[in-house]
Amino acid sequence: MQVHLAWEKVLNGHGCARRGFPGYDGICMDHYIEAVVAIEGSGSLSAIQAAVRSASGPLGYDRFVVFSASPSREDLVDRIYWVEGDWFGRGVTVDAETYVRHCPVTRNFLNVDEAFFWTKVMSARGEKYRVVRAPRGPGFHGLQVPVFGRTGLEGAMSFAGTRIDASARARVALTMIGSAAFRAARRLLEAREANGASTLSPREREVLRWIAAGRRQADIAASLGLSERTVENHLRRARLRLGVATTAQAIRLAIRSGEIED
């Protein structure tokens, strides 16, 4: 809450008058530089999230995904640090695995070295995603910000909404925000792992252990006196807590961090 109130003060100050959509007149870049500084100094993921929401909300963005990536992986996405919002128009917040499976534009950043806009339209054949110079008209649009480091492509942040500011200045501002958010989230997660912090509940660890041992979800449900849906919910929460896209990745990370035994 303190971060949010601080950002409201920043966005309303320094001569940046509030106006109607798409945000603040002229997109005061100094404000976004301050946002980057705040994100870089964040001590928790919730602080990063609050700063990102406050900075990008006035530009019409209210869906976010931050993830690490490995070009050598078939599914590209290595770990999800944060996923938020109604990404697929069904009114349900999706988990990491669903996002990876349904967002084909993710792979486009293998062919680019800068942020790009995309749009989703509905046709007789269903949903269609396209990379565009600038989204126009009604629909679901977004900005994908690839992040590069010493090893090449390291991850990305995606912003999306239904009425976004797709100006060049917005792209530059959100590229700074996205890069800072990715690096800050990765730093916090790596620090937590280095300190050996436990992230899973006892039941989540138990279910992961059974899956790692080769048991089917139906068998686990019967053994623990749970429904199969409850077992899947435990797996989904374990993936979210560990910041990964698949159950196999969750098992590998849980073993590496000592959450479960090999």
Protein backbone atom coordinates (compact mmCIF):
# COMPACT_ATOMS: atom_id res chain seq x y z
CA MET A 1 0.00 0.00 0.00
CA GLN A 2 2.83 2.42 0.85
CA VAL A 3 4.49 1.76 -2.52
CA HIS A 4 1.17 2.32 -4.32
CA LEU A 5 0.51 5.61 -2.51
CA ALA A 6 4.05 6.75 -3.16
CA TRP A 7 3.61 6.07 -6.85
CA GLU A 8 0.31 7.91 -7.01
CA LYS A 9 2.16 10.91 -5.59
CA VAL A 10 4.97 10.58 -8.12
CA LEU A 11 2.62 10.20 -11.08
CA ASN A 12 0.54 13.19 -10.03
CA GLY A 13 3.52 15.43 -9.30
CA HIS A 14 6.29 17.15 -11.19
CA GLY A 15 3.92 18.96 -13.55
CA CYS A 16 2.43 15.82 -15.11
CA ALA A 17 -1.25 16.69 -15.25
CA ARG A 18 -3.74 13.83 -15.13
CA ARG A 19 -6.00 13.55 -18.14
CA GLY A 20 -8.27 10.96 -19.76
CA PHE A 21 -7.03 7.73 -21.36
CA PRO A 22 -4.35 6.77 -22.34
CA GLY A 23 -2.62 8.14 -19.27
CA TYR A 24 -0.56 11.15 -18.37
CA ASP A 25 0.08 13.96 -20.78
CA GLY A 26 3.39 13.49 -22.53
CA ILE A 27 4.33 10.34 -20.56
CA CYS A 28 6.81 11.98 -18.20
CA MET A 29 9.86 9.77 -18.57
CA ASP A 30 11.35 10.98 -15.29
CA HIS A 31 8.52 9.19 -13.51
CA TYR A 32 9.41 5.90 -15.16
CA ILE A 33 13.07 6.34 -14.30
CA GLU A 34 11.97 6.76 -10.69
CA ALA A 35 9.89 3.59 -11.07
CA VAL A 36 12.96 1.68 -12.23
CA VAL A 37 14.89 2.92 -9.20
CA ALA A 38 12.06 1.82 -6.90
CA ILE A 39 11.87 -1.62 -8.51
CA GLU A 40 15.63 -2.12 -8.31
CA GLY A 41 15.51 -1.32 -4.60
CA SER A 42 12.52 -3.56 -3.85
CA GLY A 43 12.96 -6.11 -1.09
CA SER A 44 10.00 -8.29 -2.02
CA LEU A 45 8.08 -9.48 -5.06
CA SER A 46 4.96 -7.68 -3.82
CA ALA A 47 6.87 -4.38 -3.83
CA ILE A 48 7.97 -5.00 -7.42
CA GLN A 49 4.40 -5.83 -8.41
CA ALA A 50 3.00 -2.69 -6.78
CA ALA A 51 5.52 -0.46 -8.55
CA VAL A 52 4.83 -2.12 -11.92
CA ARG A 53 1.05 -1.79 -11.52
CA SER A 54 1.25 1.87 -10.53
CA ALA A 55 3.58 2.74 -13.39
CA SER A 56 1.84 0.79 -16.16
CA GLY A 57 -1.79 1.08 -15.05
CA PRO A 58 -2.23 4.67 -16.31
CA LEU A 59 -1.11 3.43 -19.73
CA GLY A 60 -3.90 0.85 -19.84
CA TYR A 61 -1.94 -2.29 -18.92
CA ASP A 62 -3.40 -4.59 -16.25
CA ARG A 63 -2.04 -8.06 -17.14
CA PHE A 64 1.55 -9.06 -16.41
CA VAL A 65 3.89 -12.01 -16.84
CA VAL A 66 7.57 -12.11 -15.86
CA PHE A 67 9.58 -15.20 -16.75
CA SER A 68 13.09 -16.46 -17.36
CA ALA A 69 13.81 -18.11 -20.69
CA SER A 70 16.28 -20.49 -22.26
CA PRO A 71 16.52 -20.60 -26.08
CA SER A 72 17.81 -24.18 -25.82
CA ARG A 73 14.57 -25.39 -24.22
CA GLU A 74 11.82 -26.72 -26.45
CA ASP A 75 9.13 -24.84 -24.50
CA LEU A 76 11.46 -21.79 -24.19
CA VAL A 77 10.11 -20.63 -20.81
CA ASP A 78 12.25 -21.73 -17.90
CA ARG A 79 10.58 -20.22 -14.85
CA ILE A 80 7.61 -17.96 -14.23
CA TYR A 81 8.28 -15.33 -11.58
CA TRP A 82 4.90 -13.60 -11.74
CA VAL A 83 1.67 -14.04 -13.72
CA GLU A 84 -1.37 -11.86 -13.11
CA GLY A 85 -4.60 -10.93 -14.85
CA ASP A 86 -7.30 -12.23 -17.16
CA TRP A 87 -5.02 -13.22 -20.04
CA PHE A 88 -7.43 -15.36 -22.04
CA GLY A 89 -10.71 -13.53 -21.61
CA ARG A 90 -12.45 -16.16 -19.50
CA GLY A 91 -12.45 -14.22 -16.27
CA VAL A 92 -10.07 -16.68 -14.60
CA THR A 93 -6.50 -15.93 -13.58
CA VAL A 94 -4.40 -18.53 -15.35
CA ASP A 95 -1.35 -20.34 -14.06
CA ALA A 96 2.06 -20.38 -15.69
CA GLU A 97 1.59 -23.57 -17.67
CA THR A 98 -1.64 -22.31 -19.24
CA TYR A 99 0.00 -19.04 -20.27
CA VAL A 100 2.93 -20.77 -21.92
CA ARG A 101 0.66 -23.14 -23.81
CA HIS A 102 -1.72 -20.48 -25.14
CA CYS A 103 0.54 -17.52 -25.99
CA PRO A 104 2.29 -18.27 -29.30
CA VAL A 105 3.86 -14.81 -29.67
CA THR A 106 6.23 -15.68 -26.84
CA ARG A 107 8.57 -17.42 -29.27
CA ASN A 108 8.84 -14.30 -31.43
CA PHE A 109 11.48 -12.78 -29.19
CA LEU A 110 13.92 -15.40 -30.45
CA ASN A 111 13.94 -13.35 -33.67
CA VAL A 112 14.15 -9.83 -32.22
CA ASP A 113 16.38 -7.79 -29.95
CA GLU A 114 13.87 -5.20 -28.77
CA ALA A 115 10.37 -4.94 -27.34
CA PHE A 116 7.46 -5.56 -29.71
CA PHE A 117 3.70 -5.09 -29.69
CA TRP A 118 1.24 -7.89 -30.39
CA THR A 119 -2.50 -8.18 -30.75
CA LYS A 120 -5.08 -10.94 -30.36
CA VAL A 121 -8.15 -11.05 -32.59
CA MET A 122 -11.03 -13.47 -32.85
CA SER A 123 -11.86 -15.14 -36.15
CA ALA A 124 -14.05 -17.99 -37.34
CA ARG A 125 -11.14 -20.30 -36.57
CA GLY A 126 -10.72 -19.01 -33.03
CA GLU A 127 -8.07 -16.84 -31.41
CA LYS A 128 -5.26 -15.44 -33.55
CA TYR A 129 -2.14 -13.66 -32.31
CA ARG A 130 -0.12 -11.30 -34.49
CA VAL A 131 3.02 -9.24 -33.95
CA VAL A 132 2.24 -5.67 -35.04
CA ARG A 133 3.98 -2.32 -35.28
CA ALA A 134 1.25 -0.71 -33.18
CA PRO A 135 -2.09 -2.24 -32.04
CA ARG A 136 -5.21 -0.44 -33.23
CA GLY A 137 -8.90 -0.65 -32.48
CA PRO A 138 -10.73 -2.85 -29.98
CA GLY A 139 -9.23 -6.11 -28.83
CA PHE A 140 -6.64 -7.57 -26.53
CA HIS A 141 -3.17 -6.12 -27.07
CA GLY A 142 0.20 -6.29 -25.40
CA LEU A 143 3.89 -5.49 -25.29
CA GLN A 144 6.57 -8.16 -24.94
CA VAL A 145 9.89 -6.98 -23.49
CA PRO A 146 12.81 -9.42 -23.99
CA VAL A 147 15.68 -9.09 -21.53
CA PHE A 148 19.24 -9.81 -22.61
CA GLY A 149 22.35 -10.32 -20.51
CA ARG A 150 25.84 -11.77 -20.65
CA THR A 151 24.51 -15.14 -21.81
CA GLY A 152 22.14 -13.70 -24.43
CA LEU A 153 18.37 -13.96 -23.97
CA GLU A 154 17.63 -14.35 -20.26
CA GLY A 155 13.91 -13.72 -19.94
CA ALA A 156 11.06 -11.35 -20.64
CA MET A 157 8.17 -9.38 -19.25
CA SER A 158 4.80 -9.12 -20.97
CA PHE A 159 2.29 -6.32 -20.41
CA ALA A 160 -1.26 -6.49 -21.78
CA GLY A 161 -4.66 -4.83 -21.68
CA THR A 162 -7.71 -4.01 -23.75
CA ARG A 163 -7.10 -0.25 -24.11
CA ILE A 164 -3.37 0.29 -24.07
CA ASP A 165 -1.11 3.19 -24.92
CA ALA A 166 0.96 1.82 -27.82
CA SER A 167 3.01 4.95 -28.46
CA ALA A 168 6.76 4.88 -28.92
CA ARG A 169 7.25 6.63 -25.57
CA ALA A 170 5.10 4.04 -23.81
CA ARG A 171 7.17 1.27 -25.40
CA VAL A 172 10.41 2.87 -24.20
CA ALA A 173 9.04 3.46 -20.68
CA LEU A 174 7.73 -0.09 -20.30
CA THR A 175 10.92 -1.56 -21.71
CA MET A 176 12.76 0.04 -18.79
CA ILE A 177 10.11 -1.14 -16.32
CA GLY A 178 10.02 -4.68 -17.70
CA SER A 179 13.79 -5.13 -17.70
CA ALA A 180 14.07 -3.85 -14.14
CA ALA A 181 11.18 -6.02 -12.92
CA PHE A 182 12.67 -9.16 -14.45
CA ARG A 183 16.12 -8.61 -12.95
CA ALA A 184 14.75 -7.65 -9.53
CA ALA A 185 12.42 -10.67 -9.40
CA ARG A 186 15.23 -13.01 -10.42
CA ARG A 187 17.55 -11.52 -7.81
CA LEU A 188 15.00 -12.02 -5.04
CA LEU A 189 14.20 -15.58 -6.07
CA GLU A 190 17.86 -16.56 -6.29
CA ALA A 191 18.54 -15.00 -2.89
CA ARG A 192 15.64 -16.93 -1.36
CA GLU A 193 16.95 -20.19 -2.80
CA ALA A 194 20.47 -19.44 -1.60
CA ASN A 195 19.11 -18.93 1.93
CA GLY A 196 17.29 -22.24 1.75
CA ALA A 197 13.88 -20.70 2.37
CA SER A 198 11.01 -23.16 2.26
CA THR A 199 8.37 -22.27 -0.31
CA LEU A 200 6.08 -25.31 -0.36
CA SER A 201 3.41 -26.37 2.09
CA PRO A 202 3.68 -29.87 3.63
CA ARG A 203 0.85 -31.14 1.39
CA GLU A 204 2.43 -29.67 -1.75
CA ARG A 205 5.72 -31.36 -0.91
CA GLU A 206 3.91 -34.64 -0.30
CA VAL A 207 2.08 -34.54 -3.62
CA LEU A 208 5.27 -33.60 -5.49
CA ARG A 209 7.12 -36.50 -3.85
CA TRP A 210 4.46 -38.93 -5.06
CA ILE A 211 4.56 -37.50 -8.61
CA ALA A 212 8.37 -37.71 -8.57
CA ALA A 213 8.06 -41.37 -7.58
CA GLY A 214 5.95 -42.03 -10.68
CA ARG A 215 2.50 -42.21 -9.10
CA ARG A 216 -0.54 -41.09 -11.10
CA GLN A 217 -2.71 -38.26 -9.79
CA ALA A 218 -5.66 -40.63 -9.42
CA ASP A 219 -3.59 -42.98 -7.26
CA ILE A 220 -2.29 -40.10 -5.14
CA ALA A 221 -5.83 -38.83 -4.61
CA ALA A 222 -6.98 -42.27 -3.46
CA SER A 223 -4.00 -42.72 -1.12
CA LEU A 224 -4.42 -39.31 0.51
CA GLY A 225 -8.22 -39.30 0.58
CA LEU A 226 -8.44 -36.31 -1.74
CA SER A 227 -10.19 -35.61 -5.01
CA GLU A 228 -8.12 -35.54 -8.21
CA ARG A 229 -9.02 -31.87 -8.57
CA THR A 230 -7.52 -31.14 -5.14
CA VAL A 231 -4.34 -32.97 -6.10
CA GLU A 232 -4.08 -30.90 -9.27
CA ASN A 233 -4.66 -27.72 -7.24
CA HIS A 234 -1.74 -28.65 -4.97
CA LEU A 235 0.45 -29.17 -8.03
CA ARG A 236 -0.67 -25.87 -9.54
CA ARG A 237 0.14 -23.98 -6.33
CA ALA A 238 3.52 -25.72 -6.12
CA ARG A 239 4.32 -24.56 -9.67
CA LEU A 240 3.28 -21.01 -8.83
CA ARG A 241 5.27 -20.94 -5.58
CA LEU A 242 8.38 -22.25 -7.29
CA GLY A 243 7.92 -19.98 -10.31
CA VAL A 244 8.01 -22.70 -12.95
CA ALA A 245 5.83 -23.60 -15.92
CA THR A 246 5.53 -27.39 -15.58
CA THR A 247 5.30 -30.02 -12.86
CA ALA A 248 8.53 -31.64 -14.11
CA GLN A 249 10.34 -28.33 -13.59
CA ALA A 250 8.80 -28.04 -10.12
CA ILE A 251 10.12 -31.49 -9.19
CA ARG A 252 13.63 -30.68 -10.43
CA LEU A 253 13.73 -27.39 -8.53
CA ALA A 254 12.24 -28.91 -5.36
CA ILE A 255 14.91 -31.63 -5.39
CA ARG A 256 17.70 -29.13 -6.06
CA SER A 257 16.55 -26.83 -3.24
CA GLY A 258 16.03 -29.70 -0.79
CA GLU A 259 12.24 -29.36 -0.62
CA ILE A 260 11.88 -33.04 -1.54
CA GLU A 261 14.37 -35.88 -1.65
CA ASP A 262 15.68 -37.35 -4.88
